[in-house]
């Protein structure tokens, strides 16, 4: 009898344990998660990283620059760099977008020298990037709009910012005079003295001088485009320029730029070798 009671008590205990287990399982299936004691609280959506603020400098904005390196059609070639700096701030609304003193870099696109008979010298260049005081670099879509203060160059309204040199008639007339007078005077004097008719010889010599001047003009080019360092260049933006706070901030966006101690050493200057040769020989001084 005692054995039967124990068996019934054990069965009741087992039934109770199974009931408790099934209840806990049902609670988990209903989506009630167990909270860990050391679980970190969820991050609210308001604590997400702030979005970048973008500022727009509209297309057609003009920026006054000063040339830091001279450019001319006699020595320039396509691909050469052009270096400038802004001389007046650009303001949009109430904020300075491009301060004075920022560096601007450009590149030469096309070089055309003046012809011997016709054709004026031309130079095409465009601007590629702007460097802000904090070191951030932004690409810019800019062309030459004008050359304020230039007296011998002008910018063509061709959509490419072509700089063209004006014709120099006084220079050409001076070259003709330099050739005509000496050549005509020399030939006329010699011919007039030999024939005894100085006046006729002078007229004949003038014709010879004009012919010589015509030949000389074929070997004389027109004036080159020459923009000196310090000249004013006005740039116009072809498309809107987008800037961020990182460009306008006075603090550097990245780490501080420190010159590396492992800089390469400059190459030594070449030494001209001396050649020993007997005195009076060819090539010896």
C-alpha atoms as a PDB file:
ATOM      1  CA  UNK A   1       0.000   0.000   0.000  1.00  0.00           C
ATOM      2  CA  UNK A   2       2.855   2.359   0.839  1.00  0.00           C
ATOM      3  CA  UNK A   3       4.503   1.478  -2.452  1.00  0.00           C
ATOM      4  CA  UNK A   4       1.362   2.386  -4.400  1.00  0.00           C
ATOM      5  CA  UNK A   5       1.158   5.785  -2.661  1.00  0.00           C
ATOM      6  CA  UNK A   6       4.748   6.581  -3.498  1.00  0.00           C
ATOM      7  CA  UNK A   7       4.167   5.676  -7.105  1.00  0.00           C
ATOM      8  CA  UNK A   8       1.124   7.974  -7.280  1.00  0.00           C
ATOM      9  CA  UNK A   9       3.041  10.871  -5.652  1.00  0.00           C
ATOM     10  CA  UNK A  10       5.864  10.496  -8.130  1.00  0.00           C
ATOM     11  CA  UNK A  11       3.425  10.510 -11.013  1.00  0.00           C
ATOM     12  CA  UNK A  12       1.801  13.695  -9.720  1.00  0.00           C
ATOM     13  CA  UNK A  13       5.198  15.390  -9.409  1.00  0.00           C
ATOM     14  CA  UNK A  14       6.124  14.409 -12.940  1.00  0.00           C
ATOM     15  CA  UNK A  15       2.786  15.726 -14.231  1.00  0.00           C
ATOM     16  CA  UNK A  16       3.393  19.073 -12.464  1.00  0.00           C
ATOM     17  CA  UNK A  17       6.885  19.400 -13.928  1.00  0.00           C
ATOM     18  CA  UNK A  18       5.594  18.704 -17.446  1.00  0.00           C
ATOM     19  CA  UNK A  19       2.849  21.291 -17.045  1.00  0.00           C
ATOM     20  CA  UNK A  20       5.316  23.962 -15.946  1.00  0.00           C
ATOM     21  CA  UNK A  21       7.614  23.110 -18.858  1.00  0.00           C
ATOM     22  CA  UNK A  22       4.816  23.384 -21.412  1.00  0.00           C
ATOM     23  CA  UNK A  23       3.746  26.748 -19.980  1.00  0.00           C
ATOM     24  CA  UNK A  24       7.243  28.170 -20.327  1.00  0.00           C
ATOM     25  CA  UNK A  25       7.422  26.908 -23.910  1.00  0.00           C
ATOM     26  CA  UNK A  26       4.124  28.534 -24.777  1.00  0.00           C
ATOM     27  CA  UNK A  27       5.306  31.821 -23.302  1.00  0.00           C
ATOM     28  CA  UNK A  28       8.447  31.739 -25.485  1.00  0.00           C
ATOM     29  CA  UNK A  29       6.345  30.955 -28.584  1.00  0.00           C
ATOM     30  CA  UNK A  30       4.214  34.058 -27.897  1.00  0.00           C
ATOM     31  CA  UNK A  31       7.351  36.211 -28.426  1.00  0.00           C
ATOM     32  CA  UNK A  32       8.269  37.170 -24.880  1.00  0.00           C
ATOM     33  CA  UNK A  33      12.106  37.231 -25.003  1.00  0.00           C
ATOM     34  CA  UNK A  34      14.147  36.568 -21.928  1.00  0.00           C
ATOM     35  CA  UNK A  35      15.986  39.721 -20.860  1.00  0.00           C
ATOM     36  CA  UNK A  36      19.674  39.256 -20.151  1.00  0.00           C
ATOM     37  CA  UNK A  37      20.712  41.119 -17.020  1.00  0.00           C
ATOM     38  CA  UNK A  38      23.654  42.865 -18.743  1.00  0.00           C
ATOM     39  CA  UNK A  39      21.999  43.605 -22.135  1.00  0.00           C
ATOM     40  CA  UNK A  40      22.823  47.058 -23.564  1.00  0.00           C
ATOM     41  CA  UNK A  41      19.879  49.352 -24.334  1.00  0.00           C
ATOM     42  CA  UNK A  42      18.939  49.803 -28.001  1.00  0.00           C
ATOM     43  CA  UNK A  43      20.269  52.911 -29.779  1.00  0.00           C
ATOM     44  CA  UNK A  44      17.480  55.352 -30.602  1.00  0.00           C
ATOM     45  CA  UNK A  45      17.050  56.473 -34.206  1.00  0.00           C
ATOM     46  CA  UNK A  46      17.688  60.109 -33.225  1.00  0.00           C
ATOM     47  CA  UNK A  47      21.302  59.286 -32.285  1.00  0.00           C
ATOM     48  CA  UNK A  48      22.276  58.381 -35.898  1.00  0.00           C
ATOM     49  CA  UNK A  49      25.163  60.216 -37.609  1.00  0.00           C
ATOM     50  CA  UNK A  50      24.134  63.693 -38.872  1.00  0.00           C
ATOM     51  CA  UNK A  51      23.798  64.184 -42.623  1.00  0.00           C
ATOM     52  CA  UNK A  52      26.347  66.323 -44.511  1.00  0.00           C
ATOM     53  CA  UNK A  53      25.214  69.833 -45.395  1.00  0.00           C
ATOM     54  CA  UNK A  54      25.855  70.769 -49.032  1.00  0.00           C
ATOM     55  CA  UNK A  55      26.215  74.303 -50.388  1.00  0.00           C
ATOM     56  CA  UNK A  56      25.878  75.252 -54.063  1.00  0.00           C
ATOM     57  CA  UNK A  57      27.790  77.909 -55.969  1.00  0.00           C
ATOM     58  CA  UNK A  58      25.579  78.395 -59.067  1.00  0.00           C
ATOM     59  CA  UNK A  59      26.740  78.065 -62.652  1.00  0.00           C
ATOM     60  CA  UNK A  60      27.796  81.363 -64.213  1.00  0.00           C
ATOM     61  CA  UNK A  61      29.509  82.572 -61.032  1.00  0.00           C
ATOM     62  CA  UNK A  62      32.643  84.587 -61.835  1.00  0.00           C
ATOM     63  CA  UNK A  63      35.824  84.311 -59.780  1.00  0.00           C
ATOM     64  CA  UNK A  64      38.632  86.848 -60.051  1.00  0.00           C
ATOM     65  CA  UNK A  65      42.062  85.183 -60.125  1.00  0.00           C
ATOM     66  CA  UNK A  66      45.663  86.299 -60.352  1.00  0.00           C
ATOM     67  CA  UNK A  67      48.152  84.377 -62.463  1.00  0.00           C
ATOM     68  CA  UNK A  68      51.121  83.016 -60.507  1.00  0.00           C
ATOM     69  CA  UNK A  69      53.033  81.710 -63.531  1.00  0.00           C
ATOM     70  CA  UNK A  70      53.401  83.408 -66.912  1.00  0.00           C
ATOM     71  CA  UNK A  71      51.822  81.783 -69.988  1.00  0.00           C
ATOM     72  CA  UNK A  72      52.700  82.474 -73.624  1.00  0.00           C
ATOM     73  CA  UNK A  73      52.243  80.727 -76.949  1.00  0.00           C
ATOM     74  CA  UNK A  74      55.963  80.744 -77.708  1.00  0.00           C
ATOM     75  CA  UNK A  75      56.861  78.247 -74.970  1.00  0.00           C
ATOM     76  CA  UNK A  76      53.553  76.715 -73.774  1.00  0.00           C
ATOM     77  CA  UNK A  77      52.301  73.363 -75.010  1.00  0.00           C
ATOM     78  CA  UNK A  78      49.108  71.350 -74.408  1.00  0.00           C
ATOM     79  CA  UNK A  79      49.105  69.710 -70.990  1.00  0.00           C
ATOM     80  CA  UNK A  80      51.173  72.400 -69.250  1.00  0.00           C
ATOM     81  CA  UNK A  81      49.921  73.433 -65.818  1.00  0.00           C
ATOM     82  CA  UNK A  82      48.596  76.903 -65.036  1.00  0.00           C
ATOM     83  CA  UNK A  83      48.700  78.185 -61.439  1.00  0.00           C
ATOM     84  CA  UNK A  84      46.552  80.987 -60.004  1.00  0.00           C
ATOM     85  CA  UNK A  85      45.075  82.318 -56.749  1.00  0.00           C
ATOM     86  CA  UNK A  86      41.770  84.056 -56.028  1.00  0.00           C
ATOM     87  CA  UNK A  87      41.976  87.760 -55.230  1.00  0.00           C
ATOM     88  CA  UNK A  88      38.364  88.476 -54.193  1.00  0.00           C
ATOM     89  CA  UNK A  89      35.923  86.338 -52.145  1.00  0.00           C
ATOM     90  CA  UNK A  90      32.830  84.785 -53.701  1.00  0.00           C
ATOM     91  CA  UNK A  91      29.703  85.188 -51.529  1.00  0.00           C
ATOM     92  CA  UNK A  92      26.458  83.218 -51.960  1.00  0.00           C
ATOM     93  CA  UNK A  93      23.680  84.542 -49.757  1.00  0.00           C
ATOM     94  CA  UNK A  94      25.381  85.557 -46.527  1.00  0.00           C
ATOM     95  CA  UNK A  95      28.195  83.004 -46.602  1.00  0.00           C
ATOM     96  CA  UNK A  96      31.651  83.175 -48.176  1.00  0.00           C
ATOM     97  CA  UNK A  97      31.965  80.157 -50.434  1.00  0.00           C
ATOM     98  CA  UNK A  98      35.332  80.841 -52.076  1.00  0.00           C
ATOM     99  CA  UNK A  99      37.570  83.028 -49.908  1.00  0.00           C
ATOM    100  CA  UNK A 100      40.357  85.200 -51.247  1.00  0.00           C
ATOM    101  CA  UNK A 101      43.707  83.473 -51.384  1.00  0.00           C
ATOM    102  CA  UNK A 102      42.599  79.976 -52.411  1.00  0.00           C
ATOM    103  CA  UNK A 103      44.753  78.264 -55.011  1.00  0.00           C
ATOM    104  CA  UNK A 104      43.378  77.323 -58.424  1.00  0.00           C
ATOM    105  CA  UNK A 105      45.027  75.008 -60.906  1.00  0.00           C
ATOM    106  CA  UNK A 106      44.408  74.825 -64.638  1.00  0.00           C
ATOM    107  CA  UNK A 107      45.822  73.215 -67.757  1.00  0.00           C
ATOM    108  CA  UNK A 108      46.681  74.419 -71.274  1.00  0.00           C
ATOM    109  CA  UNK A 109      44.478  72.757 -73.917  1.00  0.00           C
ATOM    110  CA  UNK A 110      45.601  74.264 -77.230  1.00  0.00           C
ATOM    111  CA  UNK A 111      48.388  76.519 -78.474  1.00  0.00           C
ATOM    112  CA  UNK A 112      48.355  78.241 -81.861  1.00  0.00           C
ATOM    113  CA  UNK A 113      51.182  80.568 -82.807  1.00  0.00           C
ATOM    114  CA  UNK A 114      50.653  83.473 -85.180  1.00  0.00           C
ATOM    115  CA  UNK A 115      51.266  82.811 -88.869  1.00  0.00           C
ATOM    116  CA  UNK A 116      53.871  84.472 -91.080  1.00  0.00           C
ATOM    117  CA  UNK A 117      51.281  86.073 -93.376  1.00  0.00           C
ATOM    118  CA  UNK A 118      47.948  85.794 -91.518  1.00  0.00           C
ATOM    119  CA  UNK A 119      46.455  84.186 -88.427  1.00  0.00           C
ATOM    120  CA  UNK A 120      46.685  85.461 -84.859  1.00  0.00           C
ATOM    121  CA  UNK A 121      48.138  83.631 -81.893  1.00  0.00           C
ATOM    122  CA  UNK A 122      45.575  81.814 -79.712  1.00  0.00           C
ATOM    123  CA  UNK A 123      45.645  79.949 -76.400  1.00  0.00           C
ATOM    124  CA  UNK A 124      42.984  77.717 -74.804  1.00  0.00           C
ATOM    125  CA  UNK A 125      43.077  76.673 -71.152  1.00  0.00           C
ATOM    126  CA  UNK A 126      40.573  75.531 -68.526  1.00  0.00           C
ATOM    127  CA  UNK A 127      40.572  75.236 -64.741  1.00  0.00           C
ATOM    128  CA  UNK A 128      40.601  71.846 -63.042  1.00  0.00           C
ATOM    129  CA  UNK A 129      40.723  72.146 -59.240  1.00  0.00           C
ATOM    130  CA  UNK A 130      40.579  74.540 -56.308  1.00  0.00           C
ATOM    131  CA  UNK A 131      42.532  74.077 -53.059  1.00  0.00           C
ATOM    132  CA  UNK A 132      40.943  75.528 -49.913  1.00  0.00           C
ATOM    133  CA  UNK A 133      42.992  76.874 -46.962  1.00  0.00           C
ATOM    134  CA  UNK A 134      42.313  73.715 -44.906  1.00  0.00           C
ATOM    135  CA  UNK A 135      43.847  71.542 -47.623  1.00  0.00           C
ATOM    136  CA  UNK A 136      40.655  70.082 -49.130  1.00  0.00           C
ATOM    137  CA  UNK A 137      40.625  69.861 -52.938  1.00  0.00           C
ATOM    138  CA  UNK A 138      37.513  70.219 -55.105  1.00  0.00           C
ATOM    139  CA  UNK A 139      37.260  69.753 -58.864  1.00  0.00           C
ATOM    140  CA  UNK A 140      35.878  72.786 -60.673  1.00  0.00           C
ATOM    141  CA  UNK A 141      34.360  73.163 -64.167  1.00  0.00           C
ATOM    142  CA  UNK A 142      35.729  76.607 -65.108  1.00  0.00           C
ATOM    143  CA  UNK A 143      36.769  78.508 -68.243  1.00  0.00           C
ATOM    144  CA  UNK A 144      38.436  81.859 -68.917  1.00  0.00           C
ATOM    145  CA  UNK A 145      35.768  84.560 -69.122  1.00  0.00           C
ATOM    146  CA  UNK A 146      37.892  87.702 -69.500  1.00  0.00           C
ATOM    147  CA  UNK A 147      41.316  89.251 -68.903  1.00  0.00           C
ATOM    148  CA  UNK A 148      40.647  92.444 -66.904  1.00  0.00           C
ATOM    149  CA  UNK A 149      43.165  95.156 -67.745  1.00  0.00           C
ATOM    150  CA  UNK A 150      44.676  93.377 -70.767  1.00  0.00           C
ATOM    151  CA  UNK A 151      45.474  95.715 -73.666  1.00  0.00           C
ATOM    152  CA  UNK A 152      46.722  93.316 -76.346  1.00  0.00           C
ATOM    153  CA  UNK A 153      44.726  90.141 -75.625  1.00  0.00           C
ATOM    154  CA  UNK A 154      41.006  89.426 -75.703  1.00  0.00           C
ATOM    155  CA  UNK A 155      38.795  86.406 -74.951  1.00  0.00           C
ATOM    156  CA  UNK A 156      36.643  85.153 -77.818  1.00  0.00           C
ATOM    157  CA  UNK A 157      32.973  84.422 -77.170  1.00  0.00           C
ATOM    158  CA  UNK A 158      33.223  80.870 -78.537  1.00  0.00           C
ATOM    159  CA  UNK A 159      32.255  78.877 -75.456  1.00  0.00           C
ATOM    160  CA  UNK A 160      35.844  77.665 -75.032  1.00  0.00           C
ATOM    161  CA  UNK A 161      37.476  80.721 -73.472  1.00  0.00           C
ATOM    162  CA  UNK A 162      39.974  81.178 -76.300  1.00  0.00           C
ATOM    163  CA  UNK A 163      42.545  83.904 -75.606  1.00  0.00           C
ATOM    164  CA  UNK A 164      43.545  85.705 -78.814  1.00  0.00           C
ATOM    165  CA  UNK A 165      46.390  88.124 -79.440  1.00  0.00           C
ATOM    166  CA  UNK A 166      45.485  91.337 -81.226  1.00  0.00           C
ATOM    167  CA  UNK A 167      47.201  92.242 -84.479  1.00  0.00           C
ATOM    168  CA  UNK A 168      50.316  94.399 -84.171  1.00  0.00           C
ATOM    169  CA  UNK A 169      50.415  96.586 -87.296  1.00  0.00           C
ATOM    170  CA  UNK A 170      52.969  98.986 -85.854  1.00  0.00           C
ATOM    171  CA  UNK A 171      55.330  96.100 -85.212  1.00  0.00           C
ATOM    172  CA  UNK A 172      54.976  94.836 -88.785  1.00  0.00           C
ATOM    173  CA  UNK A 173      55.462  98.312 -90.283  1.00  0.00           C
ATOM    174  CA  UNK A 174      58.575  98.753 -88.189  1.00  0.00           C
ATOM    175  CA  UNK A 175      60.002  95.485 -89.469  1.00  0.00           C
ATOM    176  CA  UNK A 176      59.276  96.517 -93.060  1.00  0.00           C
ATOM    177  CA  UNK A 177      60.963  99.876 -92.502  1.00  0.00           C
ATOM    178  CA  UNK A 178      64.024  98.207 -90.996  1.00  0.00           C
ATOM    179  CA  UNK A 179      64.424  96.094 -94.125  1.00  0.00           C
ATOM    180  CA  UNK A 180      63.308  98.624 -96.777  1.00  0.00           C
ATOM    181  CA  UNK A 181      65.496 101.584 -95.857  1.00  0.00           C
ATOM    182  CA  UNK A 182      68.878  99.841 -95.520  1.00  0.00           C
ATOM    183  CA  UNK A 183      68.338  97.587 -98.525  1.00  0.00           C
ATOM    184  CA  UNK A 184      66.969 100.336-100.772  1.00  0.00           C
ATOM    185  CA  UNK A 185      69.519 102.888 -99.666  1.00  0.00           C
ATOM    186  CA  UNK A 186      72.441 100.582-100.251  1.00  0.00           C
ATOM    187  CA  UNK A 187      71.329  99.325-103.661  1.00  0.00           C
ATOM    188  CA  UNK A 188      70.181 102.798-104.833  1.00  0.00           C
ATOM    189  CA  UNK A 189      73.371 104.505-103.787  1.00  0.00           C
ATOM    190  CA  UNK A 190      75.586 101.991-105.499  1.00  0.00           C
ATOM    191  CA  UNK A 191      73.517 101.980-108.691  1.00  0.00           C
ATOM    192  CA  UNK A 192      73.135 105.774-108.797  1.00  0.00           C
ATOM    193  CA  UNK A 193      76.819 106.480-108.298  1.00  0.00           C
ATOM    194  CA  UNK A 194      77.802 103.957-110.955  1.00  0.00           C
ATOM    195  CA  UNK A 195      75.426 105.381-113.600  1.00  0.00           C
ATOM    196  CA  UNK A 196      75.737 109.029-112.659  1.00  0.00           C
ATOM    197  CA  UNK A 197      72.016 109.367-111.883  1.00  0.00           C
ATOM    198  CA  UNK A 198      71.605 109.370-108.068  1.00  0.00           C
ATOM    199  CA  UNK A 199      67.822 110.122-108.144  1.00  0.00           C
ATOM    200  CA  UNK A 200      66.989 107.311-110.536  1.00  0.00           C
ATOM    201  CA  UNK A 201      69.225 105.024-108.539  1.00  0.00           C
ATOM    202  CA  UNK A 202      67.397 105.964-105.338  1.00  0.00           C
ATOM    203  CA  UNK A 203      63.986 105.157-106.853  1.00  0.00           C
ATOM    204  CA  UNK A 204      65.276 101.876-108.168  1.00  0.00           C
ATOM    205  CA  UNK A 205      66.759 101.109-104.766  1.00  0.00           C
ATOM    206  CA  UNK A 206      63.407 101.785-103.076  1.00  0.00           C
ATOM    207  CA  UNK A 207      61.802  99.133-105.264  1.00  0.00           C
ATOM    208  CA  UNK A 208      64.506  96.678-104.349  1.00  0.00           C
ATOM    209  CA  UNK A 209      63.972  97.514-100.660  1.00  0.00           C
ATOM    210  CA  UNK A 210      60.215  96.900-100.878  1.00  0.00           C
ATOM    211  CA  UNK A 211      60.841  93.553-102.537  1.00  0.00           C
ATOM    212  CA  UNK A 212      63.257  92.634 -99.763  1.00  0.00           C
ATOM    213  CA  UNK A 213      60.701  93.707 -97.151  1.00  0.00           C
ATOM    214  CA  UNK A 214      58.089  91.464 -98.751  1.00  0.00           C
ATOM    215  CA  UNK A 215      60.463  88.514 -98.540  1.00  0.00           C
ATOM    216  CA  UNK A 216      61.332  89.342 -94.932  1.00  0.00           C
ATOM    217  CA  UNK A 217      57.636  89.431 -93.940  1.00  0.00           C
ATOM    218  CA  UNK A 218      57.342  85.794 -94.964  1.00  0.00           C
ATOM    219  CA  UNK A 219      59.865  84.890 -92.258  1.00  0.00           C
ATOM    220  CA  UNK A 220      58.386  87.104 -89.517  1.00  0.00           C
ATOM    221  CA  UNK A 221      55.658  85.731 -87.243  1.00  0.00           C
ATOM    222  CA  UNK A 222      52.932  87.821 -85.651  1.00  0.00           C
ATOM    223  CA  UNK A 223      52.972  88.625 -81.953  1.00  0.00           C
ATOM    224  CA  UNK A 224      52.546  85.778 -79.438  1.00  0.00           C
ATOM    225  CA  UNK A 225      49.982  85.628 -76.636  1.00  0.00           C
ATOM    226  CA  UNK A 226      51.970  86.613 -73.546  1.00  0.00           C
ATOM    227  CA  UNK A 227      50.209  86.798 -70.161  1.00  0.00           C
ATOM    228  CA  UNK A 228      52.638  87.879 -67.476  1.00  0.00           C
ATOM    229  CA  UNK A 229      52.701  86.600 -63.914  1.00  0.00           C
ATOM    230  CA  UNK A 230      50.442  88.811 -61.785  1.00  0.00           C
ATOM    231  CA  UNK A 231      47.906  89.422 -64.570  1.00  0.00           C
ATOM    232  CA  UNK A 232      44.201  89.271 -63.713  1.00  0.00           C
ATOM    233  CA  UNK A 233      42.155  86.351 -65.091  1.00  0.00           C
ATOM    234  CA  UNK A 234      38.396  86.047 -64.589  1.00  0.00           C
ATOM    235  CA  UNK A 235      37.049  82.495 -64.372  1.00  0.00           C
ATOM    236  CA  UNK A 236      33.409  81.546 -64.967  1.00  0.00           C
ATOM    237  CA  UNK A 237      31.846  78.307 -63.651  1.00  0.00           C
ATOM    238  CA  UNK A 238      30.211  76.249 -66.404  1.00  0.00           C
ATOM    239  CA  UNK A 239      28.285  74.061 -63.948  1.00  0.00           C
ATOM    240  CA  UNK A 240      27.254  74.416 -60.287  1.00  0.00           C
ATOM    241  CA  UNK A 241      30.022  73.888 -57.730  1.00  0.00           C
ATOM    242  CA  UNK A 242      28.996  71.764 -54.713  1.00  0.00           C
ATOM    243  CA  UNK A 243      30.775  72.358 -51.399  1.00  0.00           C
ATOM    244  CA  UNK A 244      30.502  70.819 -47.927  1.00  0.00           C
ATOM    245  CA  UNK A 245      31.332  71.998 -44.425  1.00  0.00           C
ATOM    246  CA  UNK A 246      34.607  70.096 -44.694  1.00  0.00           C
ATOM    247  CA  UNK A 247      35.657  72.459 -47.525  1.00  0.00           C
ATOM    248  CA  UNK A 248      34.597  75.635 -45.743  1.00  0.00           C
ATOM    249  CA  UNK A 249      35.855  74.712 -42.276  1.00  0.00           C
ATOM    250  CA  UNK A 250      39.043  76.297 -41.025  1.00  0.00           C
ATOM    251  CA  UNK A 251      40.175  72.979 -39.536  1.00  0.00           C
ATOM    252  CA  UNK A 252      41.948  70.420 -41.654  1.00  0.00           C
ATOM    253  CA  UNK A 253      39.642  67.488 -42.495  1.00  0.00           C
ATOM    254  CA  UNK A 254      42.380  64.894 -42.116  1.00  0.00           C
ATOM    255  CA  UNK A 255      45.590  64.429 -40.251  1.00  0.00           C
ATOM    256  CA  UNK A 256      48.174  67.155 -40.135  1.00  0.00           C
ATOM    257  CA  UNK A 257      50.515  67.150 -43.097  1.00  0.00           C
ATOM    258  CA  UNK A 258      54.082  66.855 -41.857  1.00  0.00           C
ATOM    259  CA  UNK A 259      57.075  66.680 -44.241  1.00  0.00           C
ATOM    260  CA  UNK A 260      58.650  63.242 -44.175  1.00  0.00           C
ATOM    261  CA  UNK A 261      62.239  63.021 -42.916  1.00  0.00           C
ATOM    262  CA  UNK A 262      62.883  60.551 -45.752  1.00  0.00           C
ATOM    263  CA  UNK A 263      62.819  63.229 -48.440  1.00  0.00           C
ATOM    264  CA  UNK A 264      64.935  62.357 -51.514  1.00  0.00           C
ATOM    265  CA  UNK A 265      68.127  64.336 -51.788  1.00  0.00           C
ATOM    266  CA  UNK A 266      68.529  66.709 -54.747  1.00  0.00           C
ATOM    267  CA  UNK A 267      70.695  65.445 -57.564  1.00  0.00           C
ATOM    268  CA  UNK A 268      74.190  66.964 -57.757  1.00  0.00           C
ATOM    269  CA  UNK A 269      74.886  69.482 -60.484  1.00  0.00           C
ATOM    270  CA  UNK A 270      76.643  68.004 -63.535  1.00  0.00           C
ATOM    271  CA  UNK A 271      80.361  68.700 -63.702  1.00  0.00           C
ATOM    272  CA  UNK A 272      81.760  69.661 -67.072  1.00  0.00           C
ATOM    273  CA  UNK A 273      84.699  67.440 -67.966  1.00  0.00           C
ATOM    274  CA  UNK A 274      87.834  69.169 -69.192  1.00  0.00           C
ATOM    275  CA  UNK A 275      89.492  67.832 -72.322  1.00  0.00           C
ATOM    276  CA  UNK A 276      93.254  68.193 -72.608  1.00  0.00           C
ATOM    277  CA  UNK A 277      94.511  68.837 -76.120  1.00  0.00           C
ATOM    278  CA  UNK A 278      97.606  70.359 -77.662  1.00  0.00           C
ATOM    279  CA  UNK A 279      97.718  74.124 -77.900  1.00  0.00           C
ATOM    280  CA  UNK A 280      96.400  75.454 -81.173  1.00  0.00           C
ATOM    281  CA  UNK A 281      94.508  72.273 -82.016  1.00  0.00           C
ATOM    282  CA  UNK A 282      90.957  72.246 -83.344  1.00  0.00           C
ATOM    283  CA  UNK A 283      88.321  72.626 -80.613  1.00  0.00           C
ATOM    284  CA  UNK A 284      90.787  73.996 -78.067  1.00  0.00           C
ATOM    285  CA  UNK A 285      90.528  77.447 -76.667  1.00  0.00           C
END
